[in-house]
Amino acid sequence: MIKVSEEAKKKIFVLMTEEGFNATADYVRVGVKSGGCSGLSYELTFDNNQAEGDKVFEDNDVKIVVDKRSVLYLAGTILEYSGGLNGKGFVFNNPNAQRTCGCGESFSL
């Protein structure tokens, strides 16, 4: 469903620990909401609960929860982390996105 690169995993584990989450037991919540310059934008948070209807995935030792509405938009996405000079942060490589904005935080289908 959603793949997690090694660099993203490392950063997720650091951030979860800093924010008081257990990186081996808690979840990264990934979702899609309306908004952004291309129509849809990504959400990325930490959570220690599953909601009814959530889909649970695990890749590269990272537990991921996705609400059922967002699953269709995120199928096949790779979550990466870029720490280079051109910007720093999580990057969604989404094969379903037909158009993305310049900052990569929103997309359209």
C-alpha atoms as a PDB file:
ATOM      1  CA  MET A   1       0.000   0.000   0.000  1.00  0.00           C
ATOM      2  CA  ILE A   2       2.356   2.724   1.252  1.00  0.00           C
ATOM      3  CA  LYS A   3       6.097   2.143   1.190  1.00  0.00           C
ATOM      4  CA  VAL A   4       8.533   3.911   3.526  1.00  0.00           C
ATOM      5  CA  SER A   5      12.111   4.650   2.454  1.00  0.00           C
ATOM      6  CA  GLU A   6      14.998   4.048   4.830  1.00  0.00           C
ATOM      7  CA  GLU A   7      15.629   7.815   5.241  1.00  0.00           C
ATOM      8  CA  ALA A   8      11.938   8.438   6.009  1.00  0.00           C
ATOM      9  CA  LYS A   9      11.955   5.614   8.556  1.00  0.00           C
ATOM     10  CA  LYS A  10      14.954   7.084  10.372  1.00  0.00           C
ATOM     11  CA  LYS A  11      13.362  10.540  10.544  1.00  0.00           C
ATOM     12  CA  ILE A  12       9.980   9.130  11.609  1.00  0.00           C
ATOM     13  CA  PHE A  13      11.586   7.221  14.489  1.00  0.00           C
ATOM     14  CA  VAL A  14      13.461  10.334  15.668  1.00  0.00           C
ATOM     15  CA  LEU A  15      10.377  12.577  15.479  1.00  0.00           C
ATOM     16  CA  MET A  16       8.088  10.037  17.152  1.00  0.00           C
ATOM     17  CA  THR A  17      10.508   9.668  20.048  1.00  0.00           C
ATOM     18  CA  GLU A  18      10.856  13.454  20.394  1.00  0.00           C
ATOM     19  CA  GLU A  19       7.059  13.806  20.513  1.00  0.00           C
ATOM     20  CA  GLY A  20       6.570  11.065  23.120  1.00  0.00           C
ATOM     21  CA  PHE A  21       5.366   8.295  20.816  1.00  0.00           C
ATOM     22  CA  ASN A  22       6.655   4.728  20.761  1.00  0.00           C
ATOM     23  CA  ALA A  23       8.084   4.216  17.272  1.00  0.00           C
ATOM     24  CA  THR A  24       7.684   0.431  17.482  1.00  0.00           C
ATOM     25  CA  ALA A  25       4.075   0.433  18.722  1.00  0.00           C
ATOM     26  CA  ASP A  26       2.414   3.682  17.586  1.00  0.00           C
ATOM     27  CA  TYR A  27       1.363   4.722  14.100  1.00  0.00           C
ATOM     28  CA  VAL A  28       2.086   7.208  11.389  1.00  0.00           C
ATOM     29  CA  ARG A  29      -1.305   8.459  10.207  1.00  0.00           C
ATOM     30  CA  VAL A  30      -1.317   9.332   6.516  1.00  0.00           C
ATOM     31  CA  GLY A  31      -4.317  10.927   4.860  1.00  0.00           C
ATOM     32  CA  VAL A  32      -5.625  13.152   2.122  1.00  0.00           C
ATOM     33  CA  LYS A  33      -7.829  16.212   2.562  1.00  0.00           C
ATOM     34  CA  SER A  34      -9.353  18.789   0.265  1.00  0.00           C
ATOM     35  CA  GLY A  35      -7.222  21.870  -0.175  1.00  0.00           C
ATOM     36  CA  GLY A  36      -3.890  23.021  -1.471  1.00  0.00           C
ATOM     37  CA  CYS A  37      -3.178  24.662  -4.774  1.00  0.00           C
ATOM     38  CA  SER A  38      -3.769  21.441  -6.744  1.00  0.00           C
ATOM     39  CA  GLY A  39      -7.002  20.388  -5.008  1.00  0.00           C
ATOM     40  CA  LEU A  40      -5.905  17.708  -2.534  1.00  0.00           C
ATOM     41  CA  SER A  41      -3.206  17.822   0.118  1.00  0.00           C
ATOM     42  CA  TYR A  42      -1.423  15.252   2.238  1.00  0.00           C
ATOM     43  CA  GLU A  43      -1.692  14.891   6.009  1.00  0.00           C
ATOM     44  CA  LEU A  44       0.993  13.236   8.097  1.00  0.00           C
ATOM     45  CA  THR A  45       0.660  12.894  11.886  1.00  0.00           C
ATOM     46  CA  PHE A  46       1.475  10.455  14.665  1.00  0.00           C
ATOM     47  CA  ASP A  47      -1.246   8.511  16.463  1.00  0.00           C
ATOM     48  CA  ASN A  48      -1.488   5.817  19.105  1.00  0.00           C
ATOM     49  CA  ASN A  49      -5.049   4.787  18.180  1.00  0.00           C
ATOM     50  CA  GLN A  50      -6.857   3.290  15.248  1.00  0.00           C
ATOM     51  CA  ALA A  51     -10.229   4.675  14.250  1.00  0.00           C
ATOM     52  CA  GLU A  52     -13.061   2.547  12.953  1.00  0.00           C
ATOM     53  CA  GLY A  53     -12.536   1.889   9.265  1.00  0.00           C
ATOM     54  CA  ASP A  54      -8.788   2.605   9.312  1.00  0.00           C
ATOM     55  CA  LYS A  55      -6.584   0.419   7.170  1.00  0.00           C
ATOM     56  CA  VAL A  56      -3.339  -0.642   8.843  1.00  0.00           C
ATOM     57  CA  PHE A  57      -0.138  -1.289   6.915  1.00  0.00           C
ATOM     58  CA  GLU A  58       3.461  -1.870   7.877  1.00  0.00           C
ATOM     59  CA  ASP A  59       6.552  -1.266   5.786  1.00  0.00           C
ATOM     60  CA  ASN A  60      10.184  -1.019   6.824  1.00  0.00           C
ATOM     61  CA  ASP A  61       9.167  -1.431  10.505  1.00  0.00           C
ATOM     62  CA  VAL A  62       6.865   1.627  10.319  1.00  0.00           C
ATOM     63  CA  LYS A  63       3.209   1.093  11.239  1.00  0.00           C
ATOM     64  CA  ILE A  64       0.895   3.198   9.081  1.00  0.00           C
ATOM     65  CA  VAL A  65      -2.819   3.891   9.440  1.00  0.00           C
ATOM     66  CA  VAL A  66      -4.899   5.364   6.637  1.00  0.00           C
ATOM     67  CA  ASP A  67      -8.571   6.327   6.814  1.00  0.00           C
ATOM     68  CA  LYS A  68     -10.713   4.421   4.327  1.00  0.00           C
ATOM     69  CA  ARG A  69     -11.439   7.529   2.217  1.00  0.00           C
ATOM     70  CA  SER A  70      -7.735   8.229   1.664  1.00  0.00           C
ATOM     71  CA  VAL A  71      -6.726   4.654   0.757  1.00  0.00           C
ATOM     72  CA  LEU A  72      -7.731   5.030  -2.906  1.00  0.00           C
ATOM     73  CA  TYR A  73      -5.677   8.205  -3.316  1.00  0.00           C
ATOM     74  CA  LEU A  74      -2.549   6.762  -1.686  1.00  0.00           C
ATOM     75  CA  ALA A  75      -2.239   3.271  -3.187  1.00  0.00           C
ATOM     76  CA  GLY A  76       1.352   2.695  -4.273  1.00  0.00           C
ATOM     77  CA  THR A  77       2.722   5.863  -2.651  1.00  0.00           C
ATOM     78  CA  ILE A  78       6.299   5.924  -1.391  1.00  0.00           C
ATOM     79  CA  LEU A  79       7.003   8.143   1.612  1.00  0.00           C
ATOM     80  CA  GLU A  80      10.505   9.550   1.424  1.00  0.00           C
ATOM     81  CA  TYR A  81      12.503  12.107   3.377  1.00  0.00           C
ATOM     82  CA  SER A  82      14.689  14.747   1.763  1.00  0.00           C
ATOM     83  CA  GLY A  83      17.198  16.650   3.843  1.00  0.00           C
ATOM     84  CA  GLY A  84      19.080  18.334   1.022  1.00  0.00           C
ATOM     85  CA  LEU A  85      19.750  21.965   0.171  1.00  0.00           C
ATOM     86  CA  ASN A  86      16.654  22.207  -2.038  1.00  0.00           C
ATOM     87  CA  GLY A  87      14.339  21.639   0.869  1.00  0.00           C
ATOM     88  CA  LYS A  88      13.860  19.478   3.871  1.00  0.00           C
ATOM     89  CA  GLY A  89      10.904  17.315   4.732  1.00  0.00           C
ATOM     90  CA  PHE A  90       8.772  14.350   3.855  1.00  0.00           C
ATOM     91  CA  VAL A  91       8.010  13.760   0.189  1.00  0.00           C
ATOM     92  CA  PHE A  92       5.083  11.736  -1.162  1.00  0.00           C
ATOM     93  CA  ASN A  93       5.888   9.962  -4.429  1.00  0.00           C
ATOM     94  CA  ASN A  94       2.340   9.185  -5.461  1.00  0.00           C
ATOM     95  CA  PRO A  95       1.822   7.314  -8.763  1.00  0.00           C
ATOM     96  CA  ASN A  96      -1.873   8.302  -8.733  1.00  0.00           C
ATOM     97  CA  ALA A  97      -1.178  12.048  -8.863  1.00  0.00           C
ATOM     98  CA  GLN A  98      -1.636  13.440 -12.337  1.00  0.00           C
ATOM     99  CA  ARG A  99      -0.519  16.917 -11.313  1.00  0.00           C
ATOM    100  CA  THR A 100       1.359  18.222  -8.281  1.00  0.00           C
ATOM    101  CA  CYS A 101       2.096  21.722  -7.093  1.00  0.00           C
ATOM    102  CA  GLY A 102       5.605  23.141  -6.997  1.00  0.00           C
ATOM    103  CA  CYS A 103       6.090  22.472  -3.295  1.00  0.00           C
ATOM    104  CA  GLY A 104       4.855  18.865  -3.570  1.00  0.00           C
ATOM    105  CA  GLU A 105       2.321  19.215  -0.761  1.00  0.00           C
ATOM    106  CA  SER A 106      -0.788  19.008  -2.921  1.00  0.00           C
ATOM    107  CA  PHE A 107      -1.920  17.056  -5.956  1.00  0.00           C
ATOM    108  CA  SER A 108      -4.847  16.302  -8.237  1.00  0.00           C
ATOM    109  CA  LEU A 109      -6.062  13.126  -9.895  1.00  0.00           C
END
